[in-house]
Amino acid sequence: MKTSAGLCISLHWSKPTIGPPLIYFFSPLSMLGKSLCYEAHTVPSSIIYPSLMLMAGIGIPVMATLNSSLGVKLGSSALATTVLFFVGLLISVIYLLKTEGFNASIFQKEISWYLYLGGILVAFYILSVTWVSPKFGVGNTISFVLLGQLIAIAAIDHFGLLGAQQNSLDIKRLIGLAMMIIGVLFVVKRNS
């Protein structure tokens, strides 16, 4: 599907029940009025989902490096974080309006209040990474973020916390988790 602005990737799923039929990705090309469109027919979710999450994972240390450098240059990690959130808000609003529109009620009685609090954790994450990275190193910072994520995903999965699908930890998953934790600790550079 060709759009008048931005980079779009049109994904036609082999099974319509696995995910949305169309996902748009916007690039800085949209600011220049350029339009590119790539189409992939019957791409299985076993390729798309891991690929998207791999790109998101690569983006985390890149974002941390960019934002911590901006914080140093501006002399304020809070200001750099505010700039990051402003740009993120702008991209999110464009994505929302381009793909779905703003036609749903945000606050509904059947939605638990605590589901709206994810932004607090994002703000804490961005502020802390922006402040810690220049002093501790991006590699060390993100390694401990990853360690925290491993601990959290194990607990959330095992107990089915916050409405997540419950997947009990068996011995195989515990060994894999332990190996990942050991790997993260090997990556951390200790300052003498």
C-alpha atoms as a PDB file:
ATOM      1  CA  MET A   1       0.000   0.000   0.000  1.00  0.00           C
ATOM      2  CA  LYS A   2       1.524   3.296  -1.058  1.00  0.00           C
ATOM      3  CA  THR A   3       1.069   6.299   1.171  1.00  0.00           C
ATOM      4  CA  SER A   4       1.612   9.964   0.409  1.00  0.00           C
ATOM      5  CA  ALA A   5       4.163  10.397   3.182  1.00  0.00           C
ATOM      6  CA  GLY A   6       6.653   8.250   4.966  1.00  0.00           C
ATOM      7  CA  LEU A   7       7.994   4.772   4.694  1.00  0.00           C
ATOM      8  CA  CYS A   8       5.405   2.079   4.940  1.00  0.00           C
ATOM      9  CA  ILE A   9       5.806  -1.632   5.166  1.00  0.00           C
ATOM     10  CA  SER A  10       2.714  -3.523   4.160  1.00  0.00           C
ATOM     11  CA  LEU A  11       2.571  -6.909   5.784  1.00  0.00           C
ATOM     12  CA  HIS A  12       0.010  -9.436   4.626  1.00  0.00           C
ATOM     13  CA  TRP A  13      -0.097 -12.148   7.241  1.00  0.00           C
ATOM     14  CA  SER A  14      -0.402 -15.799   6.281  1.00  0.00           C
ATOM     15  CA  LYS A  15      -2.973 -16.204   9.071  1.00  0.00           C
ATOM     16  CA  PRO A  16      -5.139 -13.113   9.597  1.00  0.00           C
ATOM     17  CA  THR A  17      -5.726 -14.002  13.248  1.00  0.00           C
ATOM     18  CA  ILE A  18      -2.063 -13.633  14.262  1.00  0.00           C
ATOM     19  CA  GLY A  19      -1.745  -9.919  13.923  1.00  0.00           C
ATOM     20  CA  PRO A  20      -2.818  -6.751  12.197  1.00  0.00           C
ATOM     21  CA  PRO A  21      -2.999  -6.908   8.412  1.00  0.00           C
ATOM     22  CA  LEU A  22      -1.067  -3.684   7.969  1.00  0.00           C
ATOM     23  CA  ILE A  23       1.780  -2.036   9.878  1.00  0.00           C
ATOM     24  CA  TYR A  24       3.188   1.367   8.944  1.00  0.00           C
ATOM     25  CA  PHE A  25       6.669   2.535   9.789  1.00  0.00           C
ATOM     26  CA  PHE A  26       7.367   6.236   9.343  1.00  0.00           C
ATOM     27  CA  SER A  27      10.814   7.570   8.577  1.00  0.00           C
ATOM     28  CA  PRO A  28      12.421  10.977   8.292  1.00  0.00           C
ATOM     29  CA  LEU A  29      11.728  10.640   4.547  1.00  0.00           C
ATOM     30  CA  SER A  30       8.150  11.708   5.299  1.00  0.00           C
ATOM     31  CA  MET A  31       9.477  15.088   6.370  1.00  0.00           C
ATOM     32  CA  LEU A  32      11.034  15.467   2.907  1.00  0.00           C
ATOM     33  CA  GLY A  33       7.828  14.512   1.148  1.00  0.00           C
ATOM     34  CA  LYS A  34       9.363  11.313  -0.223  1.00  0.00           C
ATOM     35  CA  SER A  35       7.344   8.144  -0.340  1.00  0.00           C
ATOM     36  CA  LEU A  36       8.695   4.625  -0.354  1.00  0.00           C
ATOM     37  CA  CYS A  37       6.696   1.511   0.105  1.00  0.00           C
ATOM     38  CA  TYR A  38       7.834  -2.059   0.552  1.00  0.00           C
ATOM     39  CA  GLU A  39       5.415  -4.937   0.383  1.00  0.00           C
ATOM     40  CA  ALA A  40       5.960  -8.456   1.659  1.00  0.00           C
ATOM     41  CA  HIS A  41       3.327 -11.111   0.969  1.00  0.00           C
ATOM     42  CA  THR A  42       2.655 -13.960   3.391  1.00  0.00           C
ATOM     43  CA  VAL A  43       5.536 -13.222   5.758  1.00  0.00           C
ATOM     44  CA  PRO A  44       5.076 -15.553   8.748  1.00  0.00           C
ATOM     45  CA  SER A  45       4.849 -14.079  12.225  1.00  0.00           C
ATOM     46  CA  SER A  46       7.754 -16.333  13.273  1.00  0.00           C
ATOM     47  CA  ILE A  47       9.965 -14.050  11.156  1.00  0.00           C
ATOM     48  CA  ILE A  48       8.227 -10.690  11.569  1.00  0.00           C
ATOM     49  CA  TYR A  49       7.808 -10.632  15.361  1.00  0.00           C
ATOM     50  CA  PRO A  50      11.399 -11.639  16.252  1.00  0.00           C
ATOM     51  CA  SER A  51      12.778  -9.300  13.573  1.00  0.00           C
ATOM     52  CA  LEU A  52      10.814  -6.319  14.871  1.00  0.00           C
ATOM     53  CA  MET A  53      11.822  -7.059  18.458  1.00  0.00           C
ATOM     54  CA  LEU A  54      15.461  -7.496  17.440  1.00  0.00           C
ATOM     55  CA  MET A  55      15.351  -4.061  15.807  1.00  0.00           C
ATOM     56  CA  ALA A  56      13.690  -2.632  18.935  1.00  0.00           C
ATOM     57  CA  GLY A  57      16.376  -4.250  21.079  1.00  0.00           C
ATOM     58  CA  ILE A  58      19.125  -2.767  18.916  1.00  0.00           C
ATOM     59  CA  GLY A  59      17.391   0.588  19.236  1.00  0.00           C
ATOM     60  CA  ILE A  60      17.565   0.625  23.055  1.00  0.00           C
ATOM     61  CA  PRO A  61      21.346   1.103  23.414  1.00  0.00           C
ATOM     62  CA  VAL A  62      21.370   3.430  20.384  1.00  0.00           C
ATOM     63  CA  MET A  63      18.639   5.528  22.028  1.00  0.00           C
ATOM     64  CA  ALA A  64      20.534   5.446  25.343  1.00  0.00           C
ATOM     65  CA  THR A  65      23.726   6.633  23.648  1.00  0.00           C
ATOM     66  CA  LEU A  66      21.969   9.399  21.729  1.00  0.00           C
ATOM     67  CA  ASN A  67      20.021  10.621  24.749  1.00  0.00           C
ATOM     68  CA  SER A  68      22.918  10.472  27.200  1.00  0.00           C
ATOM     69  CA  SER A  69      25.091  12.428  24.723  1.00  0.00           C
ATOM     70  CA  LEU A  70      22.287  14.966  24.304  1.00  0.00           C
ATOM     71  CA  GLY A  71      21.986  15.208  28.105  1.00  0.00           C
ATOM     72  CA  VAL A  72      25.725  15.918  28.419  1.00  0.00           C
ATOM     73  CA  LYS A  73      25.630  18.543  25.647  1.00  0.00           C
ATOM     74  CA  LEU A  74      22.528  20.218  27.106  1.00  0.00           C
ATOM     75  CA  GLY A  75      23.837  19.902  30.652  1.00  0.00           C
ATOM     76  CA  SER A  76      20.570  18.311  31.756  1.00  0.00           C
ATOM     77  CA  SER A  77      19.437  14.694  31.625  1.00  0.00           C
ATOM     78  CA  ALA A  78      15.888  15.855  32.421  1.00  0.00           C
ATOM     79  CA  LEU A  79      15.826  18.222  29.427  1.00  0.00           C
ATOM     80  CA  ALA A  80      17.225  15.525  27.128  1.00  0.00           C
ATOM     81  CA  THR A  81      14.533  13.144  28.385  1.00  0.00           C
ATOM     82  CA  THR A  82      11.847  15.755  27.754  1.00  0.00           C
ATOM     83  CA  VAL A  83      13.112  16.195  24.171  1.00  0.00           C
ATOM     84  CA  LEU A  84      13.044  12.409  23.706  1.00  0.00           C
ATOM     85  CA  PHE A  85       9.465  12.172  24.965  1.00  0.00           C
ATOM     86  CA  PHE A  86       8.368  15.109  22.805  1.00  0.00           C
ATOM     87  CA  VAL A  87       9.782  13.450  19.671  1.00  0.00           C
ATOM     88  CA  GLY A  88       8.276  10.104  20.762  1.00  0.00           C
ATOM     89  CA  LEU A  89       4.884  11.728  21.363  1.00  0.00           C
ATOM     90  CA  LEU A  90       4.980  13.373  17.959  1.00  0.00           C
ATOM     91  CA  ILE A  91       5.804  10.083  16.191  1.00  0.00           C
ATOM     92  CA  SER A  92       3.153   8.220  18.232  1.00  0.00           C
ATOM     93  CA  VAL A  93       0.434  10.748  17.397  1.00  0.00           C
ATOM     94  CA  ILE A  94       1.323  10.660  13.681  1.00  0.00           C
ATOM     95  CA  TYR A  95       1.278   6.851  13.760  1.00  0.00           C
ATOM     96  CA  LEU A  96      -2.070   6.810  15.599  1.00  0.00           C
ATOM     97  CA  LEU A  97      -3.719   9.274  13.253  1.00  0.00           C
ATOM     98  CA  LYS A  98      -2.300   7.613  10.134  1.00  0.00           C
ATOM     99  CA  THR A  99      -3.212   4.034  11.053  1.00  0.00           C
ATOM    100  CA  GLU A 100      -6.260   4.070  13.329  1.00  0.00           C
ATOM    101  CA  GLY A 101      -7.435   7.591  13.938  1.00  0.00           C
ATOM    102  CA  PHE A 102      -8.474   8.934  17.313  1.00  0.00           C
ATOM    103  CA  ASN A 103     -11.972   7.580  17.664  1.00  0.00           C
ATOM    104  CA  ALA A 104     -11.910   5.550  20.879  1.00  0.00           C
ATOM    105  CA  SER A 105     -12.533   6.670  24.427  1.00  0.00           C
ATOM    106  CA  ILE A 106      -9.242   6.547  26.308  1.00  0.00           C
ATOM    107  CA  PHE A 107     -10.679   6.064  29.776  1.00  0.00           C
ATOM    108  CA  GLN A 108     -13.163   3.223  30.099  1.00  0.00           C
ATOM    109  CA  LYS A 109     -14.669   1.679  33.233  1.00  0.00           C
ATOM    110  CA  GLU A 110     -13.614  -1.857  32.305  1.00  0.00           C
ATOM    111  CA  ILE A 111      -9.919  -0.860  32.021  1.00  0.00           C
ATOM    112  CA  SER A 112      -8.030  -1.125  35.330  1.00  0.00           C
ATOM    113  CA  TRP A 113      -6.453   2.145  36.457  1.00  0.00           C
ATOM    114  CA  TYR A 114      -2.971   0.662  36.847  1.00  0.00           C
ATOM    115  CA  LEU A 115      -2.787  -0.166  33.133  1.00  0.00           C
ATOM    116  CA  TYR A 116      -2.307   3.561  32.492  1.00  0.00           C
ATOM    117  CA  LEU A 117       0.869   3.762  34.627  1.00  0.00           C
ATOM    118  CA  GLY A 118       3.354   2.344  32.088  1.00  0.00           C
ATOM    119  CA  GLY A 119       4.482   5.869  31.245  1.00  0.00           C
ATOM    120  CA  ILE A 120       5.858   6.280  34.777  1.00  0.00           C
ATOM    121  CA  LEU A 121       8.174   3.320  34.209  1.00  0.00           C
ATOM    122  CA  VAL A 122       9.220   4.617  30.788  1.00  0.00           C
ATOM    123  CA  ALA A 123      10.030   8.031  32.279  1.00  0.00           C
ATOM    124  CA  PHE A 124      12.025   6.404  35.090  1.00  0.00           C
ATOM    125  CA  TYR A 125      13.884   4.230  32.573  1.00  0.00           C
ATOM    126  CA  ILE A 126      14.763   7.104  30.226  1.00  0.00           C
ATOM    127  CA  LEU A 127      15.731   9.503  33.022  1.00  0.00           C
ATOM    128  CA  SER A 128      17.905   6.929  34.769  1.00  0.00           C
ATOM    129  CA  VAL A 129      19.605   5.679  31.584  1.00  0.00           C
ATOM    130  CA  THR A 130      20.267   9.256  30.420  1.00  0.00           C
ATOM    131  CA  TRP A 131      21.765  10.163  33.783  1.00  0.00           C
ATOM    132  CA  VAL A 132      23.725   6.927  34.445  1.00  0.00           C
ATOM    133  CA  SER A 133      25.109   6.129  30.948  1.00  0.00           C
ATOM    134  CA  PRO A 134      27.705   8.942  30.758  1.00  0.00           C
ATOM    135  CA  LYS A 135      29.066   7.959  34.178  1.00  0.00           C
ATOM    136  CA  PHE A 136      28.779   4.150  34.049  1.00  0.00           C
ATOM    137  CA  GLY A 137      29.036   3.466  30.300  1.00  0.00           C
ATOM    138  CA  VAL A 138      26.269   2.538  27.882  1.00  0.00           C
ATOM    139  CA  GLY A 139      27.298  -1.145  27.829  1.00  0.00           C
ATOM    140  CA  ASN A 140      27.186  -1.494  31.602  1.00  0.00           C
ATOM    141  CA  THR A 141      23.961   0.494  31.863  1.00  0.00           C
ATOM    142  CA  ILE A 142      22.084  -1.538  29.263  1.00  0.00           C
ATOM    143  CA  SER A 143      23.523  -4.803  30.654  1.00  0.00           C
ATOM    144  CA  PHE A 144      21.913  -4.100  34.014  1.00  0.00           C
ATOM    145  CA  VAL A 145      18.702  -3.022  32.280  1.00  0.00           C
ATOM    146  CA  LEU A 146      18.736  -6.395  30.519  1.00  0.00           C
ATOM    147  CA  LEU A 147      19.377  -8.185  33.821  1.00  0.00           C
ATOM    148  CA  GLY A 148      16.384  -6.394  35.348  1.00  0.00           C
ATOM    149  CA  GLN A 149      14.261  -7.329  32.350  1.00  0.00           C
ATOM    150  CA  LEU A 150      15.237 -10.995  32.669  1.00  0.00           C
ATOM    151  CA  ILE A 151      14.223 -11.054  36.329  1.00  0.00           C
ATOM    152  CA  ALA A 152      10.954  -9.222  35.587  1.00  0.00           C
ATOM    153  CA  ILE A 153       9.966 -11.406  32.626  1.00  0.00           C
ATOM    154  CA  ALA A 154      10.585 -14.542  34.661  1.00  0.00           C
ATOM    155  CA  ALA A 155       8.289 -13.328  37.451  1.00  0.00           C
ATOM    156  CA  ILE A 156       5.617 -11.911  35.104  1.00  0.00           C
ATOM    157  CA  ASP A 157       5.573 -15.082  32.988  1.00  0.00           C
ATOM    158  CA  HIS A 158       5.627 -17.514  35.902  1.00  0.00           C
ATOM    159  CA  PHE A 159       2.845 -15.855  37.874  1.00  0.00           C
ATOM    160  CA  GLY A 160       0.888 -14.331  34.968  1.00  0.00           C
ATOM    161  CA  LEU A 161       1.181 -10.899  36.569  1.00  0.00           C
ATOM    162  CA  LEU A 162      -0.663  -7.816  35.296  1.00  0.00           C
ATOM    163  CA  GLY A 163      -2.885  -9.865  33.027  1.00  0.00           C
ATOM    164  CA  ALA A 164      -0.013 -11.474  31.082  1.00  0.00           C
ATOM    165  CA  GLN A 165      -0.297 -15.006  29.762  1.00  0.00           C
ATOM    166  CA  GLN A 166       0.938 -17.408  32.456  1.00  0.00           C
ATOM    167  CA  ASN A 167       3.870 -19.650  31.473  1.00  0.00           C
ATOM    168  CA  SER A 168       5.328 -21.590  34.384  1.00  0.00           C
ATOM    169  CA  LEU A 169       9.080 -21.758  34.730  1.00  0.00           C
ATOM    170  CA  ASP A 170      10.284 -25.299  34.245  1.00  0.00           C
ATOM    171  CA  ILE A 171      13.848 -26.529  34.709  1.00  0.00           C
ATOM    172  CA  LYS A 172      14.713 -25.934  31.035  1.00  0.00           C
ATOM    173  CA  ARG A 173      13.563 -22.304  31.185  1.00  0.00           C
ATOM    174  CA  LEU A 174      15.326 -21.766  34.526  1.00  0.00           C
ATOM    175  CA  ILE A 175      18.601 -23.054  33.060  1.00  0.00           C
ATOM    176  CA  GLY A 176      18.164 -20.793  30.014  1.00  0.00           C
ATOM    177  CA  LEU A 177      17.408 -17.823  32.263  1.00  0.00           C
ATOM    178  CA  ALA A 178      20.469 -18.562  34.415  1.00  0.00           C
ATOM    179  CA  MET A 179      22.644 -18.786  31.294  1.00  0.00           C
ATOM    180  CA  MET A 180      21.325 -15.441  30.053  1.00  0.00           C
ATOM    181  CA  ILE A 181      21.998 -13.829  33.441  1.00  0.00           C
ATOM    182  CA  ILE A 182      25.546 -15.233  33.464  1.00  0.00           C
ATOM    183  CA  GLY A 183      26.016 -13.920  29.913  1.00  0.00           C
ATOM    184  CA  VAL A 184      24.896 -10.430  30.948  1.00  0.00           C
ATOM    185  CA  LEU A 185      27.306 -10.477  33.909  1.00  0.00           C
ATOM    186  CA  PHE A 186      30.167 -11.481  31.561  1.00  0.00           C
ATOM    187  CA  VAL A 187      29.401  -8.492  29.329  1.00  0.00           C
ATOM    188  CA  VAL A 188      29.562  -5.968  32.172  1.00  0.00           C
ATOM    189  CA  LYS A 189      32.888  -4.159  32.285  1.00  0.00           C
ATOM    190  CA  ARG A 190      34.018  -3.581  35.826  1.00  0.00           C
ATOM    191  CA  ASN A 191      35.955  -0.418  36.573  1.00  0.00           C
ATOM    192  CA  SER A 192      38.961  -1.084  38.818  1.00  0.00           C
END
